[in-house]
Amino acid sequence: MKITEVSGVSPGPNPHHVDARQVYDTQNALAVVITLQPGESLKKHITPVDVFFYVLDGSGVVEIGEERAVCRKDTLIESPANIPHRWINESTDTLRVLVVKVPKPVEETKLL
């Protein structure tokens, strides 16, 4: 059994310049916990595989394609491959989101 304490994982460099901690990485899937402080956002980007998001704490705006929704703690959001998407924290609280990419991408994410 492998147990990962997310708080013990160091944030890694990323093109969004936000706190992103890779917590799971196998040949089949990749999981990252992103933390957005009030006013922070991800750059709009395209992921070459399906992604699902699970809001761990706070609330934020998710944009997927032409859709936009406010999502709160304990919400799961599906994002199909090759559709532009991003997260925005318009609240006054910290937003934490688990991002799971399945299958693990072999191509890079494309910033728009």
PDB file of N, CA and C in Angstrom:
ATOM      1  N   MET A   1       0.853  -1.172   0.000  1.00  0.00           N
ATOM      2  CA  MET A   1       0.000   0.000   0.000  1.00  0.00           C
ATOM      3  C   MET A   1       0.895   1.230   0.000  1.00  0.00           C
ATOM      4  N   LYS A   2       0.492   2.212  -0.787  1.00  0.00           N
ATOM      5  CA  LYS A   2       1.216   3.476  -0.813  1.00  0.00           C
ATOM      6  C   LYS A   2       0.252   4.574  -0.368  1.00  0.00           C
ATOM      7  N   ILE A   3       0.665   5.366   0.605  1.00  0.00           N
ATOM      8  CA  ILE A   3      -0.150   6.474   1.116  1.00  0.00           C
ATOM      9  C   ILE A   3       0.617   7.769   0.862  1.00  0.00           C
ATOM     10  N   THR A   4      -0.065   8.742   0.289  1.00  0.00           N
ATOM     11  CA  THR A   4       0.559  10.026  -0.012  1.00  0.00           C
ATOM     12  C   THR A   4      -0.119  11.124   0.786  1.00  0.00           C
ATOM     13  N   GLU A   5       0.643  11.825   1.597  1.00  0.00           N
ATOM     14  CA  GLU A   5       0.149  13.012   2.292  1.00  0.00           C
ATOM     15  C   GLU A   5       0.318  14.190   1.336  1.00  0.00           C
ATOM     16  N   VAL A   6      -0.784  14.715   0.842  1.00  0.00           N
ATOM     17  CA  VAL A   6      -0.734  15.765  -0.174  1.00  0.00           C
ATOM     18  C   VAL A   6       0.050  16.971   0.323  1.00  0.00           C
ATOM     19  N   SER A   7      -0.089  17.319   1.590  1.00  0.00           N
ATOM     20  CA  SER A   7       0.623  18.487   2.127  1.00  0.00           C
ATOM     21  C   SER A   7       2.138  18.284   2.105  1.00  0.00           C
ATOM     22  N   GLY A   8       2.588  17.032   2.033  1.00  0.00           N
ATOM     23  CA  GLY A   8       4.010  16.742   2.000  1.00  0.00           C
ATOM     24  C   GLY A   8       4.598  16.716   0.603  1.00  0.00           C
ATOM     25  N   VAL A   9       3.757  16.838  -0.423  1.00  0.00           N
ATOM     26  CA  VAL A   9       4.218  16.847  -1.813  1.00  0.00           C
ATOM     27  C   VAL A   9       4.531  18.292  -2.200  1.00  0.00           C
ATOM     28  N   SER A  10       5.698  18.513  -2.741  1.00  0.00           N
ATOM     29  CA  SER A  10       6.077  19.874  -3.146  1.00  0.00           C
ATOM     30  C   SER A  10       5.372  20.266  -4.437  1.00  0.00           C
ATOM     31  N   PRO A  11       4.951  21.527  -4.522  1.00  0.00           N
ATOM     32  CA  PRO A  11       4.366  21.988  -5.786  1.00  0.00           C
ATOM     33  C   PRO A  11       5.413  21.912  -6.890  1.00  0.00           C
ATOM     34  N   GLY A  12       4.955  21.528  -8.073  1.00  0.00           N
ATOM     35  CA  GLY A  12       5.864  21.431  -9.199  1.00  0.00           C
ATOM     36  C   GLY A  12       5.697  22.590 -10.155  1.00  0.00           C
ATOM     37  N   PRO A  13       6.699  22.824 -10.984  1.00  0.00           N
ATOM     38  CA  PRO A  13       6.579  23.895 -11.980  1.00  0.00           C
ATOM     39  C   PRO A  13       5.474  23.555 -12.977  1.00  0.00           C
ATOM     40  N   ASN A  14       4.750  24.572 -13.394  1.00  0.00           N
ATOM     41  CA  ASN A  14       3.670  24.369 -14.361  1.00  0.00           C
ATOM     42  C   ASN A  14       3.447  25.656 -15.124  1.00  0.00           C
ATOM     43  N   PRO A  15       2.868  25.575 -16.312  1.00  0.00           N
ATOM     44  CA  PRO A  15       2.693  26.780 -17.136  1.00  0.00           C
ATOM     45  C   PRO A  15       1.665  27.766 -16.576  1.00  0.00           C
ATOM     46  N   HIS A  16       0.897  27.340 -15.578  1.00  0.00           N
ATOM     47  CA  HIS A  16      -0.123  28.214 -14.988  1.00  0.00           C
ATOM     48  C   HIS A  16       0.433  29.039 -13.827  1.00  0.00           C
ATOM     49  N   HIS A  17       1.600  28.646 -13.319  1.00  0.00           N
ATOM     50  CA  HIS A  17       2.246  29.330 -12.192  1.00  0.00           C
ATOM     51  C   HIS A  17       1.365  29.350 -10.944  1.00  0.00           C
ATOM     52  N   VAL A  18       0.744  28.191 -10.656  1.00  0.00           N
ATOM     53  CA  VAL A  18      -0.087  28.034  -9.456  1.00  0.00           C
ATOM     54  C   VAL A  18       0.440  26.830  -8.674  1.00  0.00           C
ATOM     55  N   ASP A  19      -0.091  26.642  -7.473  1.00  0.00           N
ATOM     56  CA  ASP A  19       0.283  25.497  -6.642  1.00  0.00           C
ATOM     57  C   ASP A  19      -0.347  24.240  -7.234  1.00  0.00           C
ATOM     58  N   ALA A  20       0.479  23.394  -7.831  1.00  0.00           N
ATOM     59  CA  ALA A  20       0.014  22.140  -8.431  1.00  0.00           C
ATOM     60  C   ALA A  20       0.911  21.018  -7.917  1.00  0.00           C
ATOM     61  N   ARG A  21       0.290  20.035  -7.245  1.00  0.00           N
ATOM     62  CA  ARG A  21       1.040  18.939  -6.634  1.00  0.00           C
ATOM     63  C   ARG A  21       0.641  17.621  -7.271  1.00  0.00           C
ATOM     64  N   GLN A  22       1.586  17.004  -7.964  1.00  0.00           N
ATOM     65  CA  GLN A  22       1.331  15.712  -8.589  1.00  0.00           C
ATOM     66  C   GLN A  22       1.313  14.648  -7.500  1.00  0.00           C
ATOM     67  N   VAL A  23       0.145  14.033  -7.292  1.00  0.00           N
ATOM     68  CA  VAL A  23      -0.021  13.091  -6.181  1.00  0.00           C
ATOM     69  C   VAL A  23      -0.141  11.640  -6.631  1.00  0.00           C
ATOM     70  N   TYR A  24      -0.283  11.427  -7.937  1.00  0.00           N
ATOM     71  CA  TYR A  24      -0.433  10.066  -8.459  1.00  0.00           C
ATOM     72  C   TYR A  24       0.048  10.063  -9.894  1.00  0.00           C
ATOM     73  N   ASP A  25       0.923   9.115 -10.219  1.00  0.00           N
ATOM     74  CA  ASP A  25       1.471   9.055 -11.567  1.00  0.00           C
ATOM     75  C   ASP A  25       1.813   7.603 -11.891  1.00  0.00           C
ATOM     76  N   THR A  26       0.982   6.979 -12.730  1.00  0.00           N
ATOM     77  CA  THR A  26       1.245   5.620 -13.194  1.00  0.00           C
ATOM     78  C   THR A  26       1.127   5.618 -14.711  1.00  0.00           C
ATOM     79  N   GLN A  27       1.345   4.470 -15.321  1.00  0.00           N
ATOM     80  CA  GLN A  27       1.209   4.399 -16.779  1.00  0.00           C
ATOM     81  C   GLN A  27      -0.234   4.568 -17.218  1.00  0.00           C
ATOM     82  N   ASN A  28      -1.195   4.439 -16.277  1.00  0.00           N
ATOM     83  CA  ASN A  28      -2.612   4.484 -16.641  1.00  0.00           C
ATOM     84  C   ASN A  28      -3.325   5.787 -16.312  1.00  0.00           C
ATOM     85  N   ALA A  29      -2.830   6.545 -15.361  1.00  0.00           N
ATOM     86  CA  ALA A  29      -3.534   7.759 -14.940  1.00  0.00           C
ATOM     87  C   ALA A  29      -2.566   8.721 -14.273  1.00  0.00           C
ATOM     88  N   LEU A  30      -3.010   9.983 -14.191  1.00  0.00           N
ATOM     89  CA  LEU A  30      -2.230  11.039 -13.552  1.00  0.00           C
ATOM     90  C   LEU A  30      -3.195  11.868 -12.712  1.00  0.00           C
ATOM     91  N   ALA A  31      -2.813  12.179 -11.471  1.00  0.00           N
ATOM     92  CA  ALA A  31      -3.657  13.008 -10.597  1.00  0.00           C
ATOM     93  C   ALA A  31      -2.818  14.128  -9.999  1.00  0.00           C
ATOM     94  N   VAL A  32      -3.417  15.315  -9.984  1.00  0.00           N
ATOM     95  CA  VAL A  32      -2.763  16.511  -9.474  1.00  0.00           C
ATOM     96  C   VAL A  32      -3.771  17.246  -8.598  1.00  0.00           C
ATOM     97  N   VAL A  33      -3.305  17.807  -7.482  1.00  0.00           N
ATOM     98  CA  VAL A  33      -4.143  18.681  -6.669  1.00  0.00           C
ATOM     99  C   VAL A  33      -3.692  20.105  -6.959  1.00  0.00           C
ATOM    100  N   ILE A  34      -4.630  20.921  -7.465  1.00  0.00           N
ATOM    101  CA  ILE A  34      -4.316  22.330  -7.703  1.00  0.00           C
ATOM    102  C   ILE A  34      -4.964  23.168  -6.614  1.00  0.00           C
ATOM    103  N   THR A  35      -4.256  24.194  -6.211  1.00  0.00           N
ATOM    104  CA  THR A  35      -4.766  25.141  -5.225  1.00  0.00           C
ATOM    105  C   THR A  35      -4.731  26.517  -5.852  1.00  0.00           C
ATOM    106  N   LEU A  36      -5.889  27.169  -5.885  1.00  0.00           N
ATOM    107  CA  LEU A  36      -5.987  28.522  -6.414  1.00  0.00           C
ATOM    108  C   LEU A  36      -6.387  29.458  -5.284  1.00  0.00           C
ATOM    109  N   GLN A  37      -5.575  30.462  -5.064  1.00  0.00           N
ATOM    110  CA  GLN A  37      -5.897  31.489  -4.085  1.00  0.00           C
ATOM    111  C   GLN A  37      -6.910  32.447  -4.718  1.00  0.00           C
ATOM    112  N   PRO A  38      -7.606  33.249  -3.904  1.00  0.00           N
ATOM    113  CA  PRO A  38      -8.561  34.208  -4.472  1.00  0.00           C
ATOM    114  C   PRO A  38      -7.909  35.041  -5.581  1.00  0.00           C
ATOM    115  N   GLY A  39      -8.598  35.109  -6.716  1.00  0.00           N
ATOM    116  CA  GLY A  39      -8.107  35.876  -7.856  1.00  0.00           C
ATOM    117  C   GLY A  39      -7.214  35.102  -8.804  1.00  0.00           C
ATOM    118  N   GLU A  40      -6.760  33.924  -8.417  1.00  0.00           N
ATOM    119  CA  GLU A  40      -5.912  33.124  -9.301  1.00  0.00           C
ATOM    120  C   GLU A  40      -6.764  32.319 -10.281  1.00  0.00           C
ATOM    121  N   SER A  41      -6.147  31.949 -11.406  1.00  0.00           N
ATOM    122  CA  SER A  41      -6.843  31.109 -12.382  1.00  0.00           C
ATOM    123  C   SER A  41      -5.823  30.314 -13.176  1.00  0.00           C
ATOM    124  N   LEU A  42      -6.321  29.272 -13.818  1.00  0.00           N
ATOM    125  CA  LEU A  42      -5.520  28.542 -14.781  1.00  0.00           C
ATOM    126  C   LEU A  42      -5.666  29.226 -16.124  1.00  0.00           C
ATOM    127  N   LYS A  43      -4.663  29.102 -16.964  1.00  0.00           N
ATOM    128  CA  LYS A  43      -4.774  29.579 -18.331  1.00  0.00           C
ATOM    129  C   LYS A  43      -5.658  28.590 -19.083  1.00  0.00           C
ATOM    130  N   LYS A  44      -6.422  29.090 -20.041  1.00  0.00           N
ATOM    131  CA  LYS A  44      -7.247  28.187 -20.847  1.00  0.00           C
ATOM    132  C   LYS A  44      -6.313  27.248 -21.607  1.00  0.00           C
ATOM    133  N   HIS A  45      -6.676  25.953 -21.597  1.00  0.00           N
ATOM    134  CA  HIS A  45      -5.813  24.958 -22.224  1.00  0.00           C
ATOM    135  C   HIS A  45      -6.639  23.772 -22.706  1.00  0.00           C
ATOM    136  N   ILE A  46      -5.988  22.933 -23.509  1.00  0.00           N
ATOM    137  CA  ILE A  46      -6.604  21.723 -24.043  1.00  0.00           C
ATOM    138  C   ILE A  46      -5.778  20.536 -23.567  1.00  0.00           C
ATOM    139  N   THR A  47      -6.445  19.543 -23.015  1.00  0.00           N
ATOM    140  CA  THR A  47      -5.803  18.319 -22.560  1.00  0.00           C
ATOM    141  C   THR A  47      -6.152  17.209 -23.560  1.00  0.00           C
ATOM    142  N   PRO A  48      -5.172  16.406 -23.981  1.00  0.00           N
ATOM    143  CA  PRO A  48      -5.422  15.411 -25.028  1.00  0.00           C
ATOM    144  C   PRO A  48      -6.152  14.147 -24.547  1.00  0.00           C
ATOM    145  N   VAL A  49      -6.539  14.115 -23.277  1.00  0.00           N
ATOM    146  CA  VAL A  49      -7.263  12.968 -22.716  1.00  0.00           C
ATOM    147  C   VAL A  49      -8.432  13.474 -21.881  1.00  0.00           C
ATOM    148  N   ASP A  50      -9.352  12.570 -21.545  1.00  0.00           N
ATOM    149  CA  ASP A  50     -10.453  12.941 -20.652  1.00  0.00           C
ATOM    150  C   ASP A  50      -9.901  13.320 -19.281  1.00  0.00           C
ATOM    151  N   VAL A  51     -10.580  14.269 -18.654  1.00  0.00           N
ATOM    152  CA  VAL A  51     -10.190  14.741 -17.323  1.00  0.00           C
ATOM    153  C   VAL A  51     -11.447  14.791 -16.469  1.00  0.00           C
ATOM    154  N   PHE A  52     -11.311  14.453 -15.186  1.00  0.00           N
ATOM    155  CA  PHE A  52     -12.389  14.809 -14.275  1.00  0.00           C
ATOM    156  C   PHE A  52     -11.808  15.575 -13.122  1.00  0.00           C
ATOM    157  N   PHE A  53     -12.632  16.484 -12.609  1.00  0.00           N
ATOM    158  CA  PHE A  53     -12.252  17.355 -11.500  1.00  0.00           C
ATOM    159  C   PHE A  53     -13.144  17.036 -10.316  1.00  0.00           C
ATOM    160  N   TYR A  54     -12.567  17.050  -9.119  1.00  0.00           N
ATOM    161  CA  TYR A  54     -13.344  16.893  -7.895  1.00  0.00           C
ATOM    162  C   TYR A  54     -12.943  18.038  -6.974  1.00  0.00           C
ATOM    163  N   VAL A  55     -13.917  18.877  -6.619  1.00  0.00           N
ATOM    164  CA  VAL A  55     -13.638  20.032  -5.773  1.00  0.00           C
ATOM    165  C   VAL A  55     -13.477  19.556  -4.330  1.00  0.00           C
ATOM    166  N   LEU A  56     -12.280  19.759  -3.804  1.00  0.00           N
ATOM    167  CA  LEU A  56     -11.958  19.338  -2.441  1.00  0.00           C
ATOM    168  C   LEU A  56     -12.368  20.383  -1.409  1.00  0.00           C
ATOM    169  N   ASP A  57     -12.093  21.650  -1.717  1.00  0.00           N
ATOM    170  CA  ASP A  57     -12.398  22.761  -0.797  1.00  0.00           C
ATOM    171  C   ASP A  57     -12.729  24.005  -1.592  1.00  0.00           C
ATOM    172  N   GLY A  58     -13.621  24.810  -1.037  1.00  0.00           N
ATOM    173  CA  GLY A  58     -13.936  26.101  -1.636  1.00  0.00           C
ATOM    174  C   GLY A  58     -14.914  26.001  -2.783  1.00  0.00           C
ATOM    175  N   SER A  59     -14.929  27.068  -3.575  1.00  0.00           N
ATOM    176  CA  SER A  59     -15.769  27.098  -4.769  1.00  0.00           C
ATOM    177  C   SER A  59     -15.021  27.874  -5.843  1.00  0.00           C
ATOM    178  N   GLY A  60     -15.319  27.522  -7.096  1.00  0.00           N
ATOM    179  CA  GLY A  60     -14.653  28.190  -8.199  1.00  0.00           C
ATOM    180  C   GLY A  60     -15.469  28.070  -9.461  1.00  0.00           C
ATOM    181  N   VAL A  61     -15.058  28.807 -10.444  1.00  0.00           N
ATOM    182  CA  VAL A  61     -15.722  28.791 -11.742  1.00  0.00           C
ATOM    183  C   VAL A  61     -14.934  27.876 -12.661  1.00  0.00           C
ATOM    184  N   VAL A  62     -15.631  26.931 -13.276  1.00  0.00           N
ATOM    185  CA  VAL A  62     -14.998  26.083 -14.270  1.00  0.00           C
ATOM    186  C   VAL A  62     -15.597  26.430 -15.626  1.00  0.00           C
ATOM    187  N   GLU A  63     -14.724  26.576 -16.597  1.00  0.00           N
ATOM    188  CA  GLU A  63     -15.149  26.810 -17.975  1.00  0.00           C
ATOM    189  C   GLU A  63     -14.690  25.612 -18.796  1.00  0.00           C
ATOM    190  N   ILE A  64     -15.632  24.990 -19.491  1.00  0.00           N
ATOM    191  CA  ILE A  64     -15.326  23.870 -20.373  1.00  0.00           C
ATOM    192  C   ILE A  64     -16.047  24.147 -21.686  1.00  0.00           C
ATOM    193  N   GLY A  65     -15.273  24.353 -22.747  1.00  0.00           N
ATOM    194  CA  GLY A  65     -15.869  24.747 -24.014  1.00  0.00           C
ATOM    195  C   GLY A  65     -16.577  26.086 -23.844  1.00  0.00           C
ATOM    196  N   GLU A  66     -17.836  26.131 -24.230  1.00  0.00           N
ATOM    197  CA  GLU A  66     -18.631  27.364 -24.106  1.00  0.00           C
ATOM    198  C   GLU A  66     -19.416  27.421 -22.801  1.00  0.00           C
ATOM    199  N   GLU A  67     -19.304  26.383 -21.974  1.00  0.00           N
ATOM    200  CA  GLU A  67     -20.053  26.325 -20.722  1.00  0.00           C
ATOM    201  C   GLU A  67     -19.236  26.886 -19.570  1.00  0.00           C
ATOM    202  N   ARG A  68     -19.949  27.461 -18.609  1.00  0.00           N
ATOM    203  CA  ARG A  68     -19.333  28.064 -17.422  1.00  0.00           C
ATOM    204  C   ARG A  68     -20.240  27.778 -16.237  1.00  0.00           C
ATOM    205  N   ALA A  69     -19.662  27.314 -15.128  1.00  0.00           N
ATOM    206  CA  ALA A  69     -20.476  27.005 -13.949  1.00  0.00           C
ATOM    207  C   ALA A  69     -19.666  27.238 -12.677  1.00  0.00           C
ATOM    208  N   VAL A  70     -20.358  27.642 -11.626  1.00  0.00           N
ATOM    209  CA  VAL A  70     -19.754  27.728 -10.295  1.00  0.00           C
ATOM    210  C   VAL A  70     -19.905  26.358  -9.655  1.00  0.00           C
ATOM    211  N   CYS A  71     -18.795  25.819  -9.164  1.00  0.00           N
ATOM    212  CA  CYS A  71     -18.808  24.494  -8.549  1.00  0.00           C
ATOM    213  C   CYS A  71     -18.235  24.598  -7.148  1.00  0.00           C
ATOM    214  N   ARG A  72     -18.862  23.878  -6.231  1.00  0.00           N
ATOM    215  CA  ARG A  72     -18.480  23.921  -4.825  1.00  0.00           C
ATOM    216  C   ARG A  72     -17.939  22.579  -4.359  1.00  0.00           C
ATOM    217  N   LYS A  73     -17.463  22.570  -3.126  1.00  0.00           N
ATOM    218  CA  LYS A  73     -16.912  21.371  -2.488  1.00  0.00           C
ATOM    219  C   LYS A  73     -17.829  20.173  -2.726  1.00  0.00           C
ATOM    220  N   ASP A  74     -17.203  19.011  -2.945  1.00  0.00           N
ATOM    221  CA  ASP A  74     -17.877  17.731  -3.158  1.00  0.00           C
ATOM    222  C   ASP A  74     -18.645  17.662  -4.474  1.00  0.00           C
ATOM    223  N   THR A  75     -18.143  18.369  -5.488  1.00  0.00           N
ATOM    224  CA  THR A  75     -18.723  18.318  -6.830  1.00  0.00           C
ATOM    225  C   THR A  75     -17.718  17.676  -7.774  1.00  0.00           C
ATOM    226  N   LEU A  76     -18.200  16.782  -8.649  1.00  0.00           N
ATOM    227  CA  LEU A  76     -17.369  16.152  -9.665  1.00  0.00           C
ATOM    228  C   LEU A  76     -17.771  16.701 -11.026  1.00  0.00           C
ATOM    229  N   ILE A  77     -16.788  17.094 -11.821  1.00  0.00           N
ATOM    230  CA  ILE A  77     -17.034  17.687 -13.133  1.00  0.00           C
ATOM    231  C   ILE A  77     -16.246  16.903 -14.174  1.00  0.00           C
ATOM    232  N   GLU A  78     -16.901  16.528 -15.266  1.00  0.00           N
ATOM    233  CA  GLU A  78     -16.243  15.808 -16.348  1.00  0.00           C
ATOM    234  C   GLU A  78     -15.849  16.782 -17.453  1.00  0.00           C
ATOM    235  N   SER A  79     -14.662  16.593 -17.997  1.00  0.00           N
ATOM    236  CA  SER A  79     -14.168  17.423 -19.094  1.00  0.00           C
ATOM    237  C   SER A  79     -13.613  16.509 -20.186  1.00  0.00           C
ATOM    238  N   PRO A  80     -14.289  16.430 -21.337  1.00  0.00           N
ATOM    239  CA  PRO A  80     -13.827  15.547 -22.412  1.00  0.00           C
ATOM    240  C   PRO A  80     -12.491  16.005 -22.998  1.00  0.00           C
ATOM    241  N   ALA A  81     -11.789  15.077 -23.586  1.00  0.00           N
ATOM    242  CA  ALA A  81     -10.518  15.374 -24.244  1.00  0.00           C
ATOM    243  C   ALA A  81     -10.694  16.431 -25.328  1.00  0.00           C
ATOM    244  N   ASN A  82      -9.646  17.225 -25.507  1.00  0.00           N
ATOM    245  CA  ASN A  82      -9.540  18.195 -26.605  1.00  0.00           C
ATOM    246  C   ASN A  82     -10.565  19.321 -26.573  1.00  0.00           C
ATOM    247  N   ILE A  83     -11.138  19.613 -25.407  1.00  0.00           N
ATOM    248  CA  ILE A  83     -12.062  20.740 -25.244  1.00  0.00           C
ATOM    249  C   ILE A  83     -11.359  21.782 -24.365  1.00  0.00           C
ATOM    250  N   PRO A  84     -11.289  23.051 -24.804  1.00  0.00           N
ATOM    251  CA  PRO A  84     -10.635  24.074 -23.979  1.00  0.00           C
ATOM    252  C   PRO A  84     -11.314  24.181 -22.603  1.00  0.00           C
ATOM    253  N   HIS A  85     -10.503  24.325 -21.565  1.00  0.00           N
ATOM    254  CA  HIS A  85     -11.061  24.450 -20.216  1.00  0.00           C
ATOM    255  C   HIS A  85     -10.102  25.208 -19.307  1.00  0.00           C
ATOM    256  N   ARG A  86     -10.652  25.667 -18.174  1.00  0.00           N
ATOM    257  CA  ARG A  86      -9.844  26.325 -17.147  1.00  0.00           C
ATOM    258  C   ARG A  86     -10.659  26.488 -15.875  1.00  0.00           C
ATOM    259  N   TRP A  87      -9.971  26.775 -14.775  1.00  0.00           N
ATOM    260  CA  TRP A  87     -10.579  27.081 -13.479  1.00  0.00           C
ATOM    261  C   TRP A  87     -10.223  28.513 -13.097  1.00  0.00           C
ATOM    262  N   ILE A  88     -11.175  29.185 -12.438  1.00  0.00           N
ATOM    263  CA  ILE A  88     -10.980  30.557 -11.960  1.00  0.00           C
ATOM    264  C   ILE A  88     -11.488  30.616 -10.529  1.00  0.00           C
ATOM    265  N   ASN A  89     -10.703  31.200  -9.640  1.00  0.00           N
ATOM    266  CA  ASN A  89     -11.175  31.394  -8.272  1.00  0.00           C
ATOM    267  C   ASN A  89     -11.620  32.843  -8.109  1.00  0.00           C
ATOM    268  N   GLU A  90     -12.927  33.067  -8.216  1.00  0.00           N
ATOM    269  CA  GLU A  90     -13.503  34.403  -8.052  1.00  0.00           C
ATOM    270  C   GLU A  90     -13.987  34.623  -6.625  1.00  0.00           C
ATOM    271  N   SER A  91     -13.781  33.648  -5.745  1.00  0.00           N
ATOM    272  CA  SER A  91     -14.259  33.751  -4.364  1.00  0.00           C
ATOM    273  C   SER A  91     -13.193  34.396  -3.478  1.00  0.00           C
ATOM    274  N   THR A  92     -13.507  34.522  -2.202  1.00  0.00           N
ATOM    275  CA  THR A  92     -12.549  35.060  -1.236  1.00  0.00           C
ATOM    276  C   THR A  92     -11.868  33.947  -0.445  1.00  0.00           C
ATOM    277  N   ASP A  93     -12.153  32.696  -0.784  1.00  0.00           N
ATOM    278  CA  ASP A  93     -11.575  31.539  -0.104  1.00  0.00           C
ATOM    279  C   ASP A  93     -10.651  30.766  -1.051  1.00  0.00           C
ATOM    280  N   THR A  94      -9.803  29.942  -0.479  1.00  0.00           N
ATOM    281  CA  THR A  94      -8.926  29.076  -1.263  1.00  0.00           C
ATOM    282  C   THR A  94      -9.749  27.983  -1.941  1.00  0.00           C
ATOM    283  N   LEU A  95      -9.404  27.692  -3.194  1.00  0.00           N
ATOM    284  CA  LEU A  95     -10.048  26.630  -3.972  1.00  0.00           C
ATOM    285  C   LEU A  95      -9.039  25.515  -4.168  1.00  0.00           C
ATOM    286  N   ARG A  96      -9.429  24.283  -3.818  1.00  0.00           N
ATOM    287  CA  ARG A  96      -8.575  23.103  -4.035  1.00  0.00           C
ATOM    288  C   ARG A  96      -9.350  22.103  -4.886  1.00  0.00           C
ATOM    289  N   VAL A  97      -8.710  21.641  -5.966  1.00  0.00           N
ATOM    290  CA  VAL A  97      -9.366  20.738  -6.913  1.00  0.00           C
ATOM    291  C   VAL A  97      -8.436  19.564  -7.222  1.00  0.00           C
ATOM    292  N   LEU A  98      -8.992  18.359  -7.158  1.00  0.00           N
ATOM    293  CA  LEU A  98      -8.283  17.172  -7.605  1.00  0.00           C
ATOM    294  C   LEU A  98      -8.538  17.029  -9.104  1.00  0.00           C
ATOM    295  N   VAL A  99      -7.471  16.930  -9.877  1.00  0.00           N
ATOM    296  CA  VAL A  99      -7.552  16.794 -11.325  1.00  0.00           C
ATOM    297  C   VAL A  99      -7.041  15.398 -11.682  1.00  0.00           C
ATOM    298  N   VAL A 100      -7.875  14.601 -12.355  1.00  0.00           N
ATOM    299  CA  VAL A 100      -7.470  13.242 -12.740  1.00  0.00           C
ATOM    300  C   VAL A 100      -7.563  13.116 -14.255  1.00  0.00           C
ATOM    301  N   LYS A 101      -6.441  12.733 -14.858  1.00  0.00           N
ATOM    302  CA  LYS A 101      -6.366  12.549 -16.314  1.00  0.00           C
ATOM    303  C   LYS A 101      -6.298  11.060 -16.602  1.00  0.00           C
ATOM    304  N   VAL A 102      -7.260  10.599 -17.427  1.00  0.00           N
ATOM    305  CA  VAL A 102      -7.349   9.175 -17.735  1.00  0.00           C
ATOM    306  C   VAL A 102      -7.611   9.002 -19.235  1.00  0.00           C
ATOM    307  N   PRO A 103      -6.811   8.238 -19.960  1.00  0.00           N
ATOM    308  CA  PRO A 103      -5.564   7.641 -19.505  1.00  0.00           C
ATOM    309  C   PRO A 103      -4.493   8.712 -19.349  1.00  0.00           C
ATOM    310  N   LYS A 104      -3.368   8.338 -18.767  1.00  0.00           N
ATOM    311  CA  LYS A 104      -2.277   9.286 -18.608  1.00  0.00           C
ATOM    312  C   LYS A 104      -1.889   9.806 -19.994  1.00  0.00           C
ATOM    313  N   PRO A 105      -1.824  11.132 -20.150  1.00  0.00           N
ATOM    314  CA  PRO A 105      -1.515  11.682 -21.472  1.00  0.00           C
ATOM    315  C   PRO A 105      -0.079  11.364 -21.902  1.00  0.00           C
ATOM    316  N   VAL A 106       0.070  11.129 -23.194  1.00  0.00           N
ATOM    317  CA  VAL A 106       1.397  10.948 -23.762  1.00  0.00           C
ATOM    318  C   VAL A 106       1.811  12.203 -24.545  1.00  0.00           C
ATOM    319  N   GLU A 107       0.833  13.095 -24.787  1.00  0.00           N
ATOM    320  CA  GLU A 107       1.098  14.382 -25.438  1.00  0.00           C
ATOM    321  C   GLU A 107       0.986  15.475 -24.381  1.00  0.00           C
ATOM    322  N   GLU A 108       1.629  16.596 -24.651  1.00  0.00           N
ATOM    323  CA  GLU A 108       1.578  17.731 -23.736  1.00  0.00           C
ATOM    324  C   GLU A 108       0.221  18.440 -23.803  1.00  0.00           C
ATOM    325  N   THR A 109      -0.155  19.064 -22.685  1.00  0.00           N
ATOM    326  CA  THR A 109      -1.308  19.961 -22.655  1.00  0.00           C
ATOM    327  C   THR A 109      -0.955  21.196 -23.469  1.00  0.00           C
ATOM    328  N   LYS A 110      -1.931  21.715 -24.241  1.00  0.00           N
ATOM    329  CA  LYS A 110      -1.717  22.873 -25.082  1.00  0.00           C
ATOM    330  C   LYS A 110      -2.341  24.109 -24.468  1.00  0.00           C
ATOM    331  N   LEU A 111      -1.525  25.143 -24.183  1.00  0.00           N
ATOM    332  CA  LEU A 111      -2.062  26.414 -23.704  1.00  0.00           C
ATOM    333  C   LEU A 111      -2.655  27.176 -24.879  1.00  0.00           C
ATOM    334  N   LEU A 112      -3.743  27.890 -24.614  1.00  0.00           N
ATOM    335  CA  LEU A 112      -4.371  28.689 -25.684  1.00  0.00           C
ATOM    336  C   LEU A 112      -4.076  30.156 -25.500  1.00  0.00           C
TER     337      LEU A 112
END
